[in-house]
């Protein structure tokens, strides 16, 4: 629905020689919308996997891919927004369900409230990248009927005035349209995540040859550089296979074999 194949297809074609086929009859908005009028039926990861499995209802394929994203303000960093993208890969023949994630601060997400007739609406909409970047308009006291797919500044102003006048507090809300086809920055994040997933699938399990052998966690306890006691720093990474369960350890990417003395509870007790 939102042209995500433009971000996903190039990495899968170049890395895996795989072609992306779109299922045209699926209404993914039924599984949640960024405009807020349809809530997700489950948590982010579960919804993403469910969306991928819907492809099997009408396409004769073994593998399916879907994406879910979530964006908003970062509580710990005032006036800053961020998000996370999730991409699920399901191979029903091999019994693989794989999820890759990509947290990001690269987002255009913003949300502001205005009264009817406020001259700043035009200025703010343009600052949000409109019309190249889409925006939603909604009544601040009724989020069930968001106005979408606005194309001109006059349309945005008219919608804001209309929703502000019917609001209980006199405000309308202008916020970023995070649907991929209306948000070029999000599309770039999706392409980066698609590369990450494709490279993960390219790596085969050394034991059973199933695709997707990769990081499943880490183990803490990197020894202190002074006394050798285990610290809270990561000691090594763990790669694993989702099919046969085979796992292997590998050193830290930065090559460190000891942790700083200041991180050791024995050498630097609090």
Protein backbone atom coordinates (compact mmCIF):
# COMPACT_ATOMS: atom_id res chain seq x y z
CA UNK A 1 0.00 0.00 0.00
CA UNK A 2 2.83 2.40 0.82
CA UNK A 3 5.45 1.55 -1.83
CA UNK A 4 7.91 -0.05 0.58
CA UNK A 5 9.04 -2.34 -2.23
CA UNK A 6 11.05 0.63 -3.51
CA UNK A 7 13.23 0.34 -0.40
CA UNK A 8 13.23 -3.45 0.05
CA UNK A 9 13.64 -4.74 -3.51
CA UNK A 10 17.12 -3.36 -4.40
CA UNK A 11 18.98 -4.91 -1.42
CA UNK A 12 17.24 -8.29 -1.82
CA UNK A 13 17.96 -8.31 -5.54
CA UNK A 14 21.65 -7.38 -5.17
CA UNK A 15 22.49 -9.48 -2.11
CA UNK A 16 20.31 -12.56 -2.63
CA UNK A 17 19.23 -12.43 -6.27
CA UNK A 18 15.65 -12.46 -4.96
CA UNK A 19 12.69 -10.66 -6.50
CA UNK A 20 10.09 -8.90 -4.40
CA UNK A 21 6.47 -9.62 -5.39
CA UNK A 22 3.69 -7.40 -4.05
CA UNK A 23 0.40 -8.79 -2.81
CA UNK A 24 -1.93 -6.04 -4.12
CA UNK A 25 -5.14 -7.07 -2.36
CA UNK A 26 -3.98 -6.75 1.25
CA UNK A 27 -5.18 -3.86 3.44
CA UNK A 28 -2.30 -3.43 5.88
CA UNK A 29 -4.03 -0.42 7.43
CA UNK A 30 -6.33 -2.93 9.12
CA UNK A 31 -3.33 -3.81 11.30
CA UNK A 32 -2.77 -0.25 12.54
CA UNK A 33 -2.20 3.22 11.12
CA UNK A 34 0.25 6.04 11.85
CA UNK A 35 -2.70 8.44 11.86
CA UNK A 36 -4.01 6.73 14.98
CA UNK A 37 -7.53 5.86 13.82
CA UNK A 38 -6.76 2.11 13.70
CA UNK A 39 -4.77 0.64 16.61
CA UNK A 40 -2.36 -2.28 16.20
CA UNK A 41 -3.91 -5.64 17.14
CA UNK A 42 -0.76 -6.68 19.01
CA UNK A 43 2.75 -5.55 19.90
CA UNK A 44 5.06 -4.22 17.18
CA UNK A 45 6.97 -7.46 16.47
CA UNK A 46 3.92 -9.72 16.59
CA UNK A 47 1.99 -7.41 14.26
CA UNK A 48 4.89 -7.35 11.82
CA UNK A 49 5.07 -11.17 11.67
CA UNK A 50 1.28 -11.36 11.28
CA UNK A 51 1.45 -8.92 8.38
CA UNK A 52 4.12 -11.02 6.65
CA UNK A 53 2.08 -14.20 7.00
CA UNK A 54 -0.92 -12.58 5.31
CA UNK A 55 0.98 -12.84 2.02
CA UNK A 56 0.56 -16.63 2.06
CA UNK A 57 -3.23 -16.32 1.77
CA UNK A 58 -3.11 -15.37 -1.90
CA UNK A 59 0.48 -15.74 -3.15
CA UNK A 60 2.11 -19.05 -4.02
CA UNK A 61 5.41 -18.28 -2.28
CA UNK A 62 7.47 -19.81 0.52
CA UNK A 63 8.90 -16.56 1.88
CA UNK A 64 7.32 -13.27 2.94
CA UNK A 65 8.55 -9.92 4.26
CA UNK A 66 6.72 -7.18 6.14
CA UNK A 67 7.61 -4.02 8.03
CA UNK A 68 6.28 -2.09 11.01
CA UNK A 69 7.58 1.17 12.41
CA UNK A 70 7.00 3.32 15.46
CA UNK A 71 7.95 6.98 15.88
CA UNK A 72 7.48 9.67 18.49
CA UNK A 73 9.16 11.82 21.13
CA UNK A 74 12.08 10.46 23.16
CA UNK A 75 11.19 10.85 26.84
CA UNK A 76 14.80 11.04 28.03
CA UNK A 77 15.76 13.71 25.48
CA UNK A 78 13.39 16.70 25.47
CA UNK A 79 12.34 18.14 22.08
CA UNK A 80 13.88 15.15 20.29
CA UNK A 81 12.08 12.46 18.33
CA UNK A 82 13.16 9.01 17.25
CA UNK A 83 11.82 5.69 16.14
CA UNK A 84 12.38 2.03 15.47
CA UNK A 85 11.83 0.02 12.30
CA UNK A 86 11.13 -3.71 12.36
CA UNK A 87 11.29 -6.06 9.38
CA UNK A 88 10.02 -9.63 9.61
CA UNK A 89 11.03 -12.46 7.28
CA UNK A 90 9.01 -15.69 7.28
CA UNK A 91 10.05 -18.85 5.40
CA UNK A 92 7.23 -21.32 5.90
CA UNK A 93 9.03 -24.19 4.11
CA UNK A 94 12.09 -24.06 6.37
CA UNK A 95 10.15 -22.94 9.45
CA UNK A 96 12.06 -19.65 9.81
CA UNK A 97 10.67 -16.53 11.49
CA UNK A 98 13.31 -13.83 11.64
CA UNK A 99 13.03 -10.23 12.83
CA UNK A 100 15.60 -7.47 12.32
CA UNK A 101 15.31 -4.08 14.00
CA UNK A 102 16.84 -0.68 13.36
CA UNK A 103 16.46 2.10 15.95
CA UNK A 104 16.92 5.53 14.43
CA UNK A 105 17.08 9.21 15.28
CA UNK A 106 16.80 10.06 11.56
CA UNK A 107 13.17 11.08 11.49
CA UNK A 108 11.03 14.02 10.45
CA UNK A 109 8.38 13.25 13.08
CA UNK A 110 6.81 16.34 14.65
CA UNK A 111 3.49 17.13 16.34
CA UNK A 112 2.11 20.61 17.01
CA UNK A 113 -1.23 22.15 18.06
CA UNK A 114 -2.79 25.31 16.61
CA UNK A 115 -5.97 27.33 17.00
CA UNK A 116 -8.12 28.27 14.02
CA UNK A 117 -6.68 31.10 11.96
CA UNK A 118 -3.15 30.77 13.30
CA UNK A 119 -0.82 32.19 10.59
CA UNK A 120 2.02 29.91 11.72
CA UNK A 121 0.35 26.83 10.25
CA UNK A 122 1.71 27.56 6.78
CA UNK A 123 5.21 28.26 8.09
CA UNK A 124 5.33 25.12 10.22
CA UNK A 125 3.92 22.87 7.50
CA UNK A 126 6.61 24.04 5.09
CA UNK A 127 9.26 23.55 7.80
CA UNK A 128 8.02 19.95 8.17
CA UNK A 129 8.84 19.42 4.48
CA UNK A 130 5.31 19.63 3.12
CA UNK A 131 4.27 18.78 0.43
CA UNK A 132 7.23 16.42 -0.21
CA UNK A 133 6.69 15.10 3.30
CA UNK A 134 3.06 14.38 4.13
CA UNK A 135 1.14 15.65 7.16
CA UNK A 136 -1.96 14.57 9.06
CA UNK A 137 -4.55 16.92 10.57
CA UNK A 138 -6.83 15.86 13.40
CA UNK A 139 -9.18 17.40 15.96
CA UNK A 140 -7.40 17.47 19.32
CA UNK A 141 -10.46 16.11 21.14
CA UNK A 142 -11.37 13.46 18.54
CA UNK A 143 -8.56 11.42 16.96
CA UNK A 144 -10.91 8.98 15.24
CA UNK A 145 -11.21 10.99 11.99
CA UNK A 146 -7.75 12.15 10.87
CA UNK A 147 -7.51 14.02 7.57
CA UNK A 148 -4.96 12.43 5.25
CA UNK A 149 -3.42 12.89 1.79
CA UNK A 150 -3.46 16.69 1.78
CA UNK A 151 -1.69 18.11 -1.28
CA UNK A 152 -1.56 21.92 -0.91
CA UNK A 153 -0.89 24.42 1.87
CA UNK A 154 -4.38 25.82 1.40
CA UNK A 155 -5.78 22.33 2.06
CA UNK A 156 -3.72 22.06 5.26
CA UNK A 157 -4.86 25.48 6.53
CA UNK A 158 -8.49 24.72 5.70
CA UNK A 159 -8.34 21.35 7.45
CA UNK A 160 -6.67 22.84 10.53
CA UNK A 161 -9.31 25.58 10.82
CA UNK A 162 -12.12 23.06 10.36
CA UNK A 163 -10.81 20.65 13.01
CA UNK A 164 -9.94 23.41 15.49
CA UNK A 165 -13.48 24.82 15.32
CA UNK A 166 -15.07 21.46 16.10
CA UNK A 167 -12.60 20.67 18.89
CA UNK A 168 -13.63 20.93 22.52
CA UNK A 169 -10.48 22.88 23.42
CA UNK A 170 -10.28 24.93 20.20
CA UNK A 171 -7.13 23.24 18.90
CA UNK A 172 -6.27 21.12 15.89
CA UNK A 173 -3.19 18.91 15.67
CA UNK A 174 -0.71 18.94 12.79
CA UNK A 175 1.65 15.96 12.76
CA UNK A 176 3.96 14.10 10.42
CA UNK A 177 2.67 11.49 8.01
CA UNK A 178 5.09 8.61 8.62
CA UNK A 179 3.72 6.35 5.88
CA UNK A 180 6.66 5.34 3.72
CA UNK A 181 5.31 6.71 0.44
CA UNK A 182 4.78 10.13 2.06
CA UNK A 183 8.07 10.24 3.96
CA UNK A 184 11.35 10.06 1.96
CA UNK A 185 13.51 9.98 5.11
CA UNK A 186 11.70 6.94 6.46
CA UNK A 187 12.12 5.27 3.07
CA UNK A 188 15.89 5.64 3.41
CA UNK A 189 15.80 4.06 6.88
CA UNK A 190 13.78 1.17 5.46
CA UNK A 191 16.36 0.61 2.74
CA UNK A 192 19.11 0.43 5.38
CA UNK A 193 17.09 -2.12 7.34
CA UNK A 194 16.43 -4.16 4.19
CA UNK A 195 20.20 -4.31 3.56
CA UNK A 196 20.71 -5.49 7.14
CA UNK A 197 18.11 -8.25 6.77
CA UNK A 198 19.35 -9.35 3.35
CA UNK A 199 22.94 -9.62 4.60
CA UNK A 200 21.70 -11.65 7.58
CA UNK A 201 19.83 -14.06 5.29
CA UNK A 202 22.90 -14.40 3.07
CA UNK A 203 24.80 -15.99 5.95
CA UNK A 204 24.11 -19.74 6.21
CA UNK A 205 24.23 -21.84 9.35
CA UNK A 206 27.52 -23.79 9.40
CA UNK A 207 25.67 -26.85 10.72
CA UNK A 208 22.38 -27.09 8.76
CA UNK A 209 22.84 -24.51 5.94
CA UNK A 210 19.65 -22.63 6.88
CA UNK A 211 19.77 -18.92 6.01
CA UNK A 212 19.91 -16.22 8.67
CA UNK A 213 22.78 -17.33 10.91
CA UNK A 214 23.61 -14.25 12.97
CA UNK A 215 23.54 -12.38 16.24
CA UNK A 216 21.19 -13.71 18.92
CA UNK A 217 22.75 -12.01 21.95
CA UNK A 218 25.90 -11.52 23.96
CA UNK A 219 27.54 -12.56 27.21
CA UNK A 220 28.81 -10.02 29.73
CA UNK A 221 31.81 -10.45 32.01
CA UNK A 222 34.79 -8.93 30.16
CA UNK A 223 37.67 -9.23 32.67
CA UNK A 224 39.09 -6.16 34.38
CA UNK A 225 42.41 -4.97 32.96
CA UNK A 226 43.86 -4.76 36.49
CA UNK A 227 42.52 -7.61 38.62
CA UNK A 228 40.92 -9.89 36.05
CA UNK A 229 37.52 -9.95 37.76
CA UNK A 230 34.44 -10.06 35.46
CA UNK A 231 32.77 -6.71 34.73
CA UNK A 232 29.42 -5.68 33.26
CA UNK A 233 31.06 -5.07 29.86
CA UNK A 234 30.21 -7.46 27.00
CA UNK A 235 32.76 -10.29 26.82
CA UNK A 236 31.74 -11.91 23.54
CA UNK A 237 28.92 -11.99 20.98
CA UNK A 238 26.76 -15.02 20.23
CA UNK A 239 25.58 -16.02 16.75
CA UNK A 240 22.90 -18.64 16.28
CA UNK A 241 20.55 -20.47 13.93
CA UNK A 242 16.78 -20.21 14.32
CA UNK A 243 16.23 -23.62 12.69
CA UNK A 244 18.60 -26.10 14.34
CA UNK A 245 19.63 -24.04 17.37
CA UNK A 246 23.36 -24.19 16.63
CA UNK A 247 25.26 -21.32 18.28
CA UNK A 248 28.80 -19.98 18.18
CA UNK A 249 30.65 -17.26 20.06
CA UNK A 250 32.80 -14.56 18.49
CA UNK A 251 35.02 -11.82 19.95
CA UNK A 252 33.89 -8.24 20.39
CA UNK A 253 33.98 -6.22 17.17
CA UNK A 254 36.30 -3.64 18.72
CA UNK A 255 38.86 -6.30 19.64
CA UNK A 256 38.94 -5.44 23.36
CA UNK A 257 39.99 -8.29 25.65
CA UNK A 258 39.88 -6.40 28.96
CA UNK A 259 37.66 -3.74 30.51
CA UNK A 260 38.69 -0.42 32.03
CA UNK A 261 39.58 -0.50 35.71
CA UNK A 262 36.91 2.13 36.45
CA UNK A 263 34.19 -0.31 35.31
CA UNK A 264 35.29 -2.97 37.82
CA UNK A 265 33.29 -3.17 41.05
CA UNK A 266 36.27 -4.79 42.81
CA UNK A 267 38.84 -2.15 41.82
CA UNK A 268 36.48 0.83 41.95
CA UNK A 269 33.82 0.05 44.58
CA UNK A 270 31.01 2.59 44.92
